[in-house]
Amino acid sequence: MPEQIASCRSFAGRTTPEMNADEANPYTTYRHEGLPPGPIFESRREVAQRCSSRPNRATYFVARGEGHHTFSETYAQHNEAIHKQRGSQP
């Protein structure tokens, strides 16, 4: 999709003021409130759905890639999931 946005066609690794000012660019938070479309938005939506089905429980998540996540209810479990994903020891 970025290649279809006029201000993004010449993207070379750096965001330009033109990209940030472009109303047609859905990725600029300077013009559009909230998260831009893409994996981060989808992950946040999934977490929100899980939290609403289990009120008053904090949910942490670690992205495992290819759209998969490990969810934890405690910070300790979350840290374990991070170390497991990285292949390191806590």
PDB file of N, CA and C in Angstrom:
ATOM      1  N   MET A   1       0.800  -1.208   0.000  1.00  0.00           N
ATOM      2  CA  MET A   1       0.000   0.000   0.000  1.00  0.00           C
ATOM      3  C   MET A   1       0.844   1.275   0.000  1.00  0.00           C
ATOM      4  N   PRO A   2       1.987   1.334   0.729  1.00  0.00           N
ATOM      5  CA  PRO A   2       2.756   2.580   0.715  1.00  0.00           C
ATOM      6  C   PRO A   2       3.137   3.058  -0.674  1.00  0.00           C
ATOM      7  N   GLU A   3       3.379   2.121  -1.602  1.00  0.00           N
ATOM      8  CA  GLU A   3       3.750   2.535  -2.956  1.00  0.00           C
ATOM      9  C   GLU A   3       2.604   3.242  -3.678  1.00  0.00           C
ATOM     10  N   GLN A   4       1.373   3.091  -3.181  1.00  0.00           N
ATOM     11  CA  GLN A   4       0.211   3.748  -3.777  1.00  0.00           C
ATOM     12  C   GLN A   4       0.009   5.161  -3.229  1.00  0.00           C
ATOM     13  N   ILE A   5       0.708   5.508  -2.175  1.00  0.00           N
ATOM     14  CA  ILE A   5       0.584   6.827  -1.558  1.00  0.00           C
ATOM     15  C   ILE A   5       1.632   7.734  -2.195  1.00  0.00           C
ATOM     16  N   ALA A   6       1.175   8.800  -2.811  1.00  0.00           N
ATOM     17  CA  ALA A   6       2.065   9.671  -3.586  1.00  0.00           C
ATOM     18  C   ALA A   6       3.289  10.125  -2.789  1.00  0.00           C
ATOM     19  N   SER A   7       3.089  10.554  -1.553  1.00  0.00           N
ATOM     20  CA  SER A   7       4.218  11.077  -0.780  1.00  0.00           C
ATOM     21  C   SER A   7       5.195   9.982  -0.348  1.00  0.00           C
ATOM     22  N   CYS A   8       4.801   8.724  -0.475  1.00  0.00           N
ATOM     23  CA  CYS A   8       5.664   7.610  -0.037  1.00  0.00           C
ATOM     24  C   CYS A   8       6.376   6.903  -1.187  1.00  0.00           C
ATOM     25  N   ARG A   9       6.068   7.253  -2.402  1.00  0.00           N
ATOM     26  CA  ARG A   9       6.649   6.543  -3.561  1.00  0.00           C
ATOM     27  C   ARG A   9       8.173   6.595  -3.593  1.00  0.00           C
ATOM     28  N   SER A  10       8.733   7.684  -3.119  1.00  0.00           N
ATOM     29  CA  SER A  10      10.191   7.810  -3.163  1.00  0.00           C
ATOM     30  C   SER A  10      10.839   7.452  -1.825  1.00  0.00           C
ATOM     31  N   PHE A  11      10.127   6.721  -0.978  1.00  0.00           N
ATOM     32  CA  PHE A  11      10.654   6.352   0.340  1.00  0.00           C
ATOM     33  C   PHE A  11      11.999   5.653   0.199  1.00  0.00           C
ATOM     34  N   ALA A  12      12.996   6.159   0.944  1.00  0.00           N
ATOM     35  CA  ALA A  12      14.348   5.600   0.879  1.00  0.00           C
ATOM     36  C   ALA A  12      14.874   5.319   2.279  1.00  0.00           C
ATOM     37  N   GLY A  13      13.977   4.985   3.183  1.00  0.00           N
ATOM     38  CA  GLY A  13      14.404   4.635   4.533  1.00  0.00           C
ATOM     39  C   GLY A  13      14.236   5.730   5.563  1.00  0.00           C
ATOM     40  N   ARG A  14      13.865   6.908   5.134  1.00  0.00           N
ATOM     41  CA  ARG A  14      13.649   8.021   6.061  1.00  0.00           C
ATOM     42  C   ARG A  14      12.309   8.668   5.792  1.00  0.00           C
ATOM     43  N   THR A  15      11.586   8.942   6.873  1.00  0.00           N
ATOM     44  CA  THR A  15      10.311   9.637   6.758  1.00  0.00           C
ATOM     45  C   THR A  15      10.582  11.104   6.464  1.00  0.00           C
ATOM     46  N   THR A  16       9.815  11.658   5.536  1.00  0.00           N
ATOM     47  CA  THR A  16       9.997  13.062   5.158  1.00  0.00           C
ATOM     48  C   THR A  16       8.849  13.906   5.708  1.00  0.00           C
ATOM     49  N   PRO A  17       9.045  15.215   5.785  1.00  0.00           N
ATOM     50  CA  PRO A  17       7.946  16.098   6.212  1.00  0.00           C
ATOM     51  C   PRO A  17       6.725  15.966   5.295  1.00  0.00           C
ATOM     52  N   GLU A  18       6.968  15.705   4.008  1.00  0.00           N
ATOM     53  CA  GLU A  18       5.854  15.538   3.071  1.00  0.00           C
ATOM     54  C   GLU A  18       5.024  14.309   3.431  1.00  0.00           C
ATOM     55  N   MET A  19       5.674  13.238   3.831  1.00  0.00           N
ATOM     56  CA  MET A  19       4.951  12.025   4.246  1.00  0.00           C
ATOM     57  C   MET A  19       4.111  12.292   5.481  1.00  0.00           C
ATOM     58  N   ASN A  20       4.687  13.013   6.443  1.00  0.00           N
ATOM     59  CA  ASN A  20       3.970  13.310   7.677  1.00  0.00           C
ATOM     60  C   ASN A  20       2.789  14.245   7.464  1.00  0.00           C
ATOM     61  N   ALA A  21       2.887  15.134   6.479  1.00  0.00           N
ATOM     62  CA  ALA A  21       1.823  16.102   6.219  1.00  0.00           C
ATOM     63  C   ALA A  21       0.744  15.571   5.290  1.00  0.00           C
ATOM     64  N   ASP A  22       0.986  14.456   4.637  1.00  0.00           N
ATOM     65  CA  ASP A  22       0.080  13.916   3.624  1.00  0.00           C
ATOM     66  C   ASP A  22      -1.175  13.302   4.257  1.00  0.00           C
ATOM     67  N   GLU A  23      -2.305  13.929   4.055  1.00  0.00           N
ATOM     68  CA  GLU A  23      -3.591  13.449   4.568  1.00  0.00           C
ATOM     69  C   GLU A  23      -3.939  12.065   4.026  1.00  0.00           C
ATOM     70  N   ALA A  24      -3.463  11.744   2.826  1.00  0.00           N
ATOM     71  CA  ALA A  24      -3.756  10.446   2.200  1.00  0.00           C
ATOM     72  C   ALA A  24      -2.878   9.321   2.752  1.00  0.00           C
ATOM     73  N   ASN A  25      -1.896   9.662   3.585  1.00  0.00           N
ATOM     74  CA  ASN A  25      -0.988   8.670   4.142  1.00  0.00           C
ATOM     75  C   ASN A  25      -1.560   8.141   5.469  1.00  0.00           C
ATOM     76  N   PRO A  26      -2.105   6.913   5.484  1.00  0.00           N
ATOM     77  CA  PRO A  26      -2.716   6.395   6.707  1.00  0.00           C
ATOM     78  C   PRO A  26      -1.698   6.049   7.792  1.00  0.00           C
ATOM     79  N   TYR A  27      -0.414   6.072   7.460  1.00  0.00           N
ATOM     80  CA  TYR A  27       0.638   5.702   8.410  1.00  0.00           C
ATOM     81  C   TYR A  27       1.134   6.875   9.237  1.00  0.00           C
ATOM     82  N   THR A  28       0.737   8.096   8.904  1.00  0.00           N
ATOM     83  CA  THR A  28       1.229   9.245   9.647  1.00  0.00           C
ATOM     84  C   THR A  28       0.312   9.563  10.823  1.00  0.00           C
ATOM     85  N   THR A  29       0.881   9.537  12.014  1.00  0.00           N
ATOM     86  CA  THR A  29       0.097   9.874  13.201  1.00  0.00           C
ATOM     87  C   THR A  29       0.016  11.392  13.382  1.00  0.00           C
ATOM     88  N   TYR A  30       0.676  12.131  12.512  1.00  0.00           N
ATOM     89  CA  TYR A  30       0.536  13.582  12.533  1.00  0.00           C
ATOM     90  C   TYR A  30      -0.827  13.994  11.962  1.00  0.00           C
ATOM     91  N   ARG A  31      -1.383  13.165  11.101  1.00  0.00           N
ATOM     92  CA  ARG A  31      -2.669  13.461  10.463  1.00  0.00           C
ATOM     93  C   ARG A  31      -3.800  12.550  10.914  1.00  0.00           C
ATOM     94  N   HIS A  32      -3.473  11.380  11.433  1.00  0.00           N
ATOM     95  CA  HIS A  32      -4.486  10.394  11.807  1.00  0.00           C
ATOM     96  C   HIS A  32      -4.269   9.936  13.241  1.00  0.00           C
ATOM     97  N   GLU A  33      -5.316  10.025  14.035  1.00  0.00           N
ATOM     98  CA  GLU A  33      -5.242   9.614  15.431  1.00  0.00           C
ATOM     99  C   GLU A  33      -5.233   8.091  15.541  1.00  0.00           C
ATOM    100  N   GLY A  34      -4.576   7.571  16.542  1.00  0.00           N
ATOM    101  CA  GLY A  34      -4.559   6.133  16.774  1.00  0.00           C
ATOM    102  C   GLY A  34      -3.404   5.447  16.080  1.00  0.00           C
ATOM    103  N   LEU A  35      -3.442   4.122  16.114  1.00  0.00           N
ATOM    104  CA  LEU A  35      -2.377   3.331  15.511  1.00  0.00           C
ATOM    105  C   LEU A  35      -2.561   3.212  14.003  1.00  0.00           C
ATOM    106  N   PRO A  36      -1.467   3.195  13.253  1.00  0.00           N
ATOM    107  CA  PRO A  36      -1.575   3.000  11.802  1.00  0.00           C
ATOM    108  C   PRO A  36      -1.957   1.557  11.493  1.00  0.00           C
ATOM    109  N   PRO A  37      -2.436   1.297  10.282  1.00  0.00           N
ATOM    110  CA  PRO A  37      -2.782  -0.076   9.914  1.00  0.00           C
ATOM    111  C   PRO A  37      -1.537  -0.956   9.914  1.00  0.00           C
ATOM    112  N   GLY A  38      -1.721  -2.248  10.128  1.00  0.00           N
ATOM    113  CA  GLY A  38      -0.598  -3.176  10.084  1.00  0.00           C
ATOM    114  C   GLY A  38      -0.550  -4.084  11.290  1.00  0.00           C
ATOM    115  N   PRO A  39       0.555  -4.807  11.448  1.00  0.00           N
ATOM    116  CA  PRO A  39       0.675  -5.815  12.498  1.00  0.00           C
ATOM    117  C   PRO A  39       0.501  -5.285  13.915  1.00  0.00           C
ATOM    118  N   ILE A  40       1.014  -4.086  14.214  1.00  0.00           N
ATOM    119  CA  ILE A  40       0.875  -3.556  15.570  1.00  0.00           C
ATOM    120  C   ILE A  40      -0.595  -3.340  15.888  1.00  0.00           C
ATOM    121  N   PHE A  41      -1.329  -2.751  14.956  1.00  0.00           N
ATOM    122  CA  PHE A  41      -2.755  -2.518  15.160  1.00  0.00           C
ATOM    123  C   PHE A  41      -3.488  -3.839  15.378  1.00  0.00           C
ATOM    124  N   GLU A  42      -3.195  -4.842  14.559  1.00  0.00           N
ATOM    125  CA  GLU A  42      -3.860  -6.135  14.672  1.00  0.00           C
ATOM    126  C   GLU A  42      -3.545  -6.796  16.010  1.00  0.00           C
ATOM    127  N   SER A  43      -2.304  -6.714  16.467  1.00  0.00           N
ATOM    128  CA  SER A  43      -1.924  -7.296  17.755  1.00  0.00           C
ATOM    129  C   SER A  43      -2.653  -6.614  18.895  1.00  0.00           C
ATOM    130  N   ARG A  44      -2.717  -5.302  18.851  1.00  0.00           N
ATOM    131  CA  ARG A  44      -3.414  -4.561  19.907  1.00  0.00           C
ATOM    132  C   ARG A  44      -4.896  -4.907  19.929  1.00  0.00           C
ATOM    133  N   ARG A  45      -5.485  -5.069  18.759  1.00  0.00           N
ATOM    134  CA  ARG A  45      -6.903  -5.424  18.705  1.00  0.00           C
ATOM    135  C   ARG A  45      -7.133  -6.796  19.327  1.00  0.00           C
ATOM    136  N   GLU A  46      -6.249  -7.750  19.039  1.00  0.00           N
ATOM    137  CA  GLU A  46      -6.376  -9.087  19.611  1.00  0.00           C
ATOM    138  C   GLU A  46      -6.257  -9.045  21.131  1.00  0.00           C
ATOM    139  N   VAL A  47      -5.316  -8.273  21.640  1.00  0.00           N
ATOM    140  CA  VAL A  47      -5.157  -8.139  23.087  1.00  0.00           C
ATOM    141  C   VAL A  47      -6.412  -7.512  23.693  1.00  0.00           C
ATOM    142  N   ALA A  48      -6.934  -6.478  23.064  1.00  0.00           N
ATOM    143  CA  ALA A  48      -8.132  -5.826  23.585  1.00  0.00           C
ATOM    144  C   ALA A  48      -9.305  -6.802  23.641  1.00  0.00           C
ATOM    145  N   GLN A  49      -9.443  -7.641  22.628  1.00  0.00           N
ATOM    146  CA  GLN A  49     -10.518  -8.626  22.632  1.00  0.00           C
ATOM    147  C   GLN A  49     -10.331  -9.624  23.764  1.00  0.00           C
ATOM    148  N   ARG A  50      -9.113 -10.075  23.989  1.00  0.00           N
ATOM    149  CA  ARG A  50      -8.848 -11.011  25.085  1.00  0.00           C
ATOM    150  C   ARG A  50      -9.137 -10.367  26.423  1.00  0.00           C
ATOM    151  N   CYS A  51      -8.745  -9.119  26.592  1.00  0.00           N
ATOM    152  CA  CYS A  51      -8.968  -8.434  27.868  1.00  0.00           C
ATOM    153  C   CYS A  51     -10.454  -8.205  28.131  1.00  0.00           C
ATOM    154  N   SER A  52     -11.204  -7.895  27.094  1.00  0.00           N
ATOM    155  CA  SER A  52     -12.627  -7.645  27.302  1.00  0.00           C
ATOM    156  C   SER A  52     -13.372  -8.924  27.644  1.00  0.00           C
ATOM    157  N   SER A  53     -12.846 -10.068  27.209  1.00  0.00           N
ATOM    158  CA  SER A  53     -13.501 -11.328  27.543  1.00  0.00           C
ATOM    159  C   SER A  53     -13.069 -11.822  28.924  1.00  0.00           C
ATOM    160  N   ARG A  54     -12.019 -11.199  29.492  1.00  0.00           N
ATOM    161  CA  ARG A  54     -11.514 -11.568  30.812  1.00  0.00           C
ATOM    162  C   ARG A  54     -11.232 -10.289  31.584  1.00  0.00           C
ATOM    163  N   PRO A  55     -12.288  -9.579  32.027  1.00  0.00           N
ATOM    164  CA  PRO A  55     -12.095  -8.270  32.655  1.00  0.00           C
ATOM    165  C   PRO A  55     -11.235  -8.338  33.920  1.00  0.00           C
ATOM    166  N   ASN A  56     -10.543  -7.229  34.177  1.00  0.00           N
ATOM    167  CA  ASN A  56      -9.706  -7.052  35.369  1.00  0.00           C
ATOM    168  C   ASN A  56      -8.498  -7.976  35.420  1.00  0.00           C
ATOM    169  N   ARG A  57      -8.065  -8.488  34.301  1.00  0.00           N
ATOM    170  CA  ARG A  57      -6.860  -9.312  34.266  1.00  0.00           C
ATOM    171  C   ARG A  57      -5.891  -8.667  33.277  1.00  0.00           C
ATOM    172  N   ALA A  58      -4.721  -8.335  33.767  1.00  0.00           N
ATOM    173  CA  ALA A  58      -3.707  -7.759  32.885  1.00  0.00           C
ATOM    174  C   ALA A  58      -3.238  -8.831  31.913  1.00  0.00           C
ATOM    175  N   THR A  59      -3.063  -8.456  30.686  1.00  0.00           N
ATOM    176  CA  THR A  59      -2.579  -9.403  29.683  1.00  0.00           C
ATOM    177  C   THR A  59      -1.337  -8.829  29.027  1.00  0.00           C
ATOM    178  N   TYR A  60      -0.278  -9.596  29.026  1.00  0.00           N
ATOM    179  CA  TYR A  60       0.963  -9.250  28.341  1.00  0.00           C
ATOM    180  C   TYR A  60       1.075 -10.158  27.127  1.00  0.00           C
ATOM    181  N   PHE A  61       1.775  -9.700  26.097  1.00  0.00           N
ATOM    182  CA  PHE A  61       1.991 -10.588  24.962  1.00  0.00           C
ATOM    183  C   PHE A  61       3.362 -10.384  24.352  1.00  0.00           C
ATOM    184  N   VAL A  62       3.860 -11.475  23.774  1.00  0.00           N
ATOM    185  CA  VAL A  62       5.119 -11.465  23.038  1.00  0.00           C
ATOM    186  C   VAL A  62       4.815 -11.984  21.641  1.00  0.00           C
ATOM    187  N   ALA A  63       5.178 -11.221  20.630  1.00  0.00           N
ATOM    188  CA  ALA A  63       4.977 -11.667  19.254  1.00  0.00           C
ATOM    189  C   ALA A  63       5.990 -12.756  18.926  1.00  0.00           C
ATOM    190  N   ARG A  64       5.484 -13.865  18.391  1.00  0.00           N
ATOM    191  CA  ARG A  64       6.364 -14.976  18.013  1.00  0.00           C
ATOM    192  C   ARG A  64       6.633 -14.976  16.513  1.00  0.00           C
ATOM    193  N   GLY A  65       6.012 -14.092  15.792  1.00  0.00           N
ATOM    194  CA  GLY A  65       6.183 -14.035  14.343  1.00  0.00           C
ATOM    195  C   GLY A  65       5.060 -14.740  13.624  1.00  0.00           C
ATOM    196  N   GLU A  66       4.883 -14.400  12.371  1.00  0.00           N
ATOM    197  CA  GLU A  66       3.857 -14.986  11.508  1.00  0.00           C
ATOM    198  C   GLU A  66       2.465 -14.894  12.119  1.00  0.00           C
ATOM    199  N   GLY A  67       2.215 -13.816  12.867  1.00  0.00           N
ATOM    200  CA  GLY A  67       0.890 -13.574  13.428  1.00  0.00           C
ATOM    201  C   GLY A  67       0.579 -14.343  14.700  1.00  0.00           C
ATOM    202  N   HIS A  68       1.570 -14.969  15.317  1.00  0.00           N
ATOM    203  CA  HIS A  68       1.347 -15.744  16.538  1.00  0.00           C
ATOM    204  C   HIS A  68       1.910 -15.000  17.746  1.00  0.00           C
ATOM    205  N   HIS A  69       1.269 -15.202  18.902  1.00  0.00           N
ATOM    206  CA  HIS A  69       1.667 -14.520  20.126  1.00  0.00           C
ATOM    207  C   HIS A  69       1.623 -15.475  21.306  1.00  0.00           C
ATOM    208  N   THR A  70       2.403 -15.169  22.324  1.00  0.00           N
ATOM    209  CA  THR A  70       2.330 -15.859  23.602  1.00  0.00           C
ATOM    210  C   THR A  70       1.737 -14.864  24.588  1.00  0.00           C
ATOM    211  N   PHE A  71       0.623 -15.229  25.223  1.00  0.00           N
ATOM    212  CA  PHE A  71      -0.055 -14.353  26.176  1.00  0.00           C
ATOM    213  C   PHE A  71       0.250 -14.797  27.597  1.00  0.00           C
ATOM    214  N   SER A  72       0.403 -13.832  28.489  1.00  0.00           N
ATOM    215  CA  SER A  72       0.695 -14.106  29.898  1.00  0.00           C
ATOM    216  C   SER A  72      -0.189 -13.224  30.768  1.00  0.00           C
ATOM    217  N   GLU A  73      -0.525 -13.734  31.941  1.00  0.00           N
ATOM    218  CA  GLU A  73      -1.335 -12.964  32.873  1.00  0.00           C
ATOM    219  C   GLU A  73      -0.493 -12.228  33.910  1.00  0.00           C
ATOM    220  N   THR A  74       0.749 -12.657  34.115  1.00  0.00           N
ATOM    221  CA  THR A  74       1.608 -11.982  35.086  1.00  0.00           C
ATOM    222  C   THR A  74       2.862 -11.478  34.395  1.00  0.00           C
ATOM    223  N   TYR A  75       3.497 -10.499  35.042  1.00  0.00           N
ATOM    224  CA  TYR A  75       4.728  -9.944  34.494  1.00  0.00           C
ATOM    225  C   TYR A  75       5.842 -10.992  34.496  1.00  0.00           C
ATOM    226  N   ALA A  76       5.874 -11.839  35.521  1.00  0.00           N
ATOM    227  CA  ALA A  76       6.888 -12.901  35.584  1.00  0.00           C
ATOM    228  C   ALA A  76       6.721 -13.871  34.413  1.00  0.00           C
ATOM    229  N   GLN A  77       5.476 -14.248  34.125  1.00  0.00           N
ATOM    230  CA  GLN A  77       5.217 -15.138  32.984  1.00  0.00           C
ATOM    231  C   GLN A  77       5.616 -14.449  31.683  1.00  0.00           C
ATOM    232  N   HIS A  78       5.349 -13.159  31.603  1.00  0.00           N
ATOM    233  CA  HIS A  78       5.696 -12.380  30.412  1.00  0.00           C
ATOM    234  C   HIS A  78       7.214 -12.404  30.193  1.00  0.00           C
ATOM    235  N   ASN A  79       7.982 -12.171  31.260  1.00  0.00           N
ATOM    236  CA  ASN A  79       9.442 -12.200  31.132  1.00  0.00           C
ATOM    237  C   ASN A  79       9.934 -13.579  30.715  1.00  0.00           C
ATOM    238  N   GLU A  80       9.325 -14.635  31.230  1.00  0.00           N
ATOM    239  CA  GLU A  80       9.689 -15.993  30.816  1.00  0.00           C
ATOM    240  C   GLU A  80       9.434 -16.178  29.324  1.00  0.00           C
ATOM    241  N   ALA A  81       8.303 -15.667  28.852  1.00  0.00           N
ATOM    242  CA  ALA A  81       7.954 -15.782  27.435  1.00  0.00           C
ATOM    243  C   ALA A  81       8.953 -15.028  26.565  1.00  0.00           C
ATOM    244  N   ILE A  82       9.397 -13.871  27.033  1.00  0.00           N
ATOM    245  CA  ILE A  82      10.401 -13.091  26.288  1.00  0.00           C
ATOM    246  C   ILE A  82      11.689 -13.893  26.165  1.00  0.00           C
ATOM    247  N   HIS A  83      12.148 -14.441  27.285  1.00  0.00           N
ATOM    248  CA  HIS A  83      13.411 -15.203  27.266  1.00  0.00           C
ATOM    249  C   HIS A  83      13.276 -16.456  26.406  1.00  0.00           C
ATOM    250  N   LYS A  84      12.126 -17.092  26.453  1.00  0.00           N
ATOM    251  CA  LYS A  84      11.908 -18.280  25.627  1.00  0.00           C
ATOM    252  C   LYS A  84      11.955 -17.910  24.148  1.00  0.00           C
ATOM    253  N   GLN A  85      11.314 -16.801  23.795  1.00  0.00           N
ATOM    254  CA  GLN A  85      11.292 -16.342  22.399  1.00  0.00           C
ATOM    255  C   GLN A  85      12.699 -16.006  21.915  1.00  0.00           C
ATOM    256  N   ARG A  86      13.491 -15.388  22.782  1.00  0.00           N
ATOM    257  CA  ARG A  86      14.854 -15.005  22.410  1.00  0.00           C
ATOM    258  C   ARG A  86      15.843 -16.165  22.505  1.00  0.00           C
ATOM    259  N   GLY A  87      15.417 -17.253  23.185  1.00  0.00           N
ATOM    260  CA  GLY A  87      16.320 -18.382  23.362  1.00  0.00           C
ATOM    261  C   GLY A  87      17.383 -18.114  24.402  1.00  0.00           C
ATOM    262  N   SER A  88      17.035 -17.269  25.395  1.00  0.00           N
ATOM    263  CA  SER A  88      17.996 -16.923  26.436  1.00  0.00           C
ATOM    264  C   SER A  88      17.448 -17.312  27.803  1.00  0.00           C
ATOM    265  N   GLN A  89      18.295 -17.255  28.787  1.00  0.00           N
ATOM    266  CA  GLN A  89      17.906 -17.564  30.166  1.00  0.00           C
ATOM    267  C   GLN A  89      17.482 -16.280  30.875  1.00  0.00           C
ATOM    268  N   PRO A  90      16.490 -16.359  31.783  1.00  0.00           N
ATOM    269  CA  PRO A  90      16.092 -15.147  32.546  1.00  0.00           C
ATOM    270  C   PRO A  90      17.175 -14.664  33.473  1.00  0.00           C
TER     271      PRO A  90
END
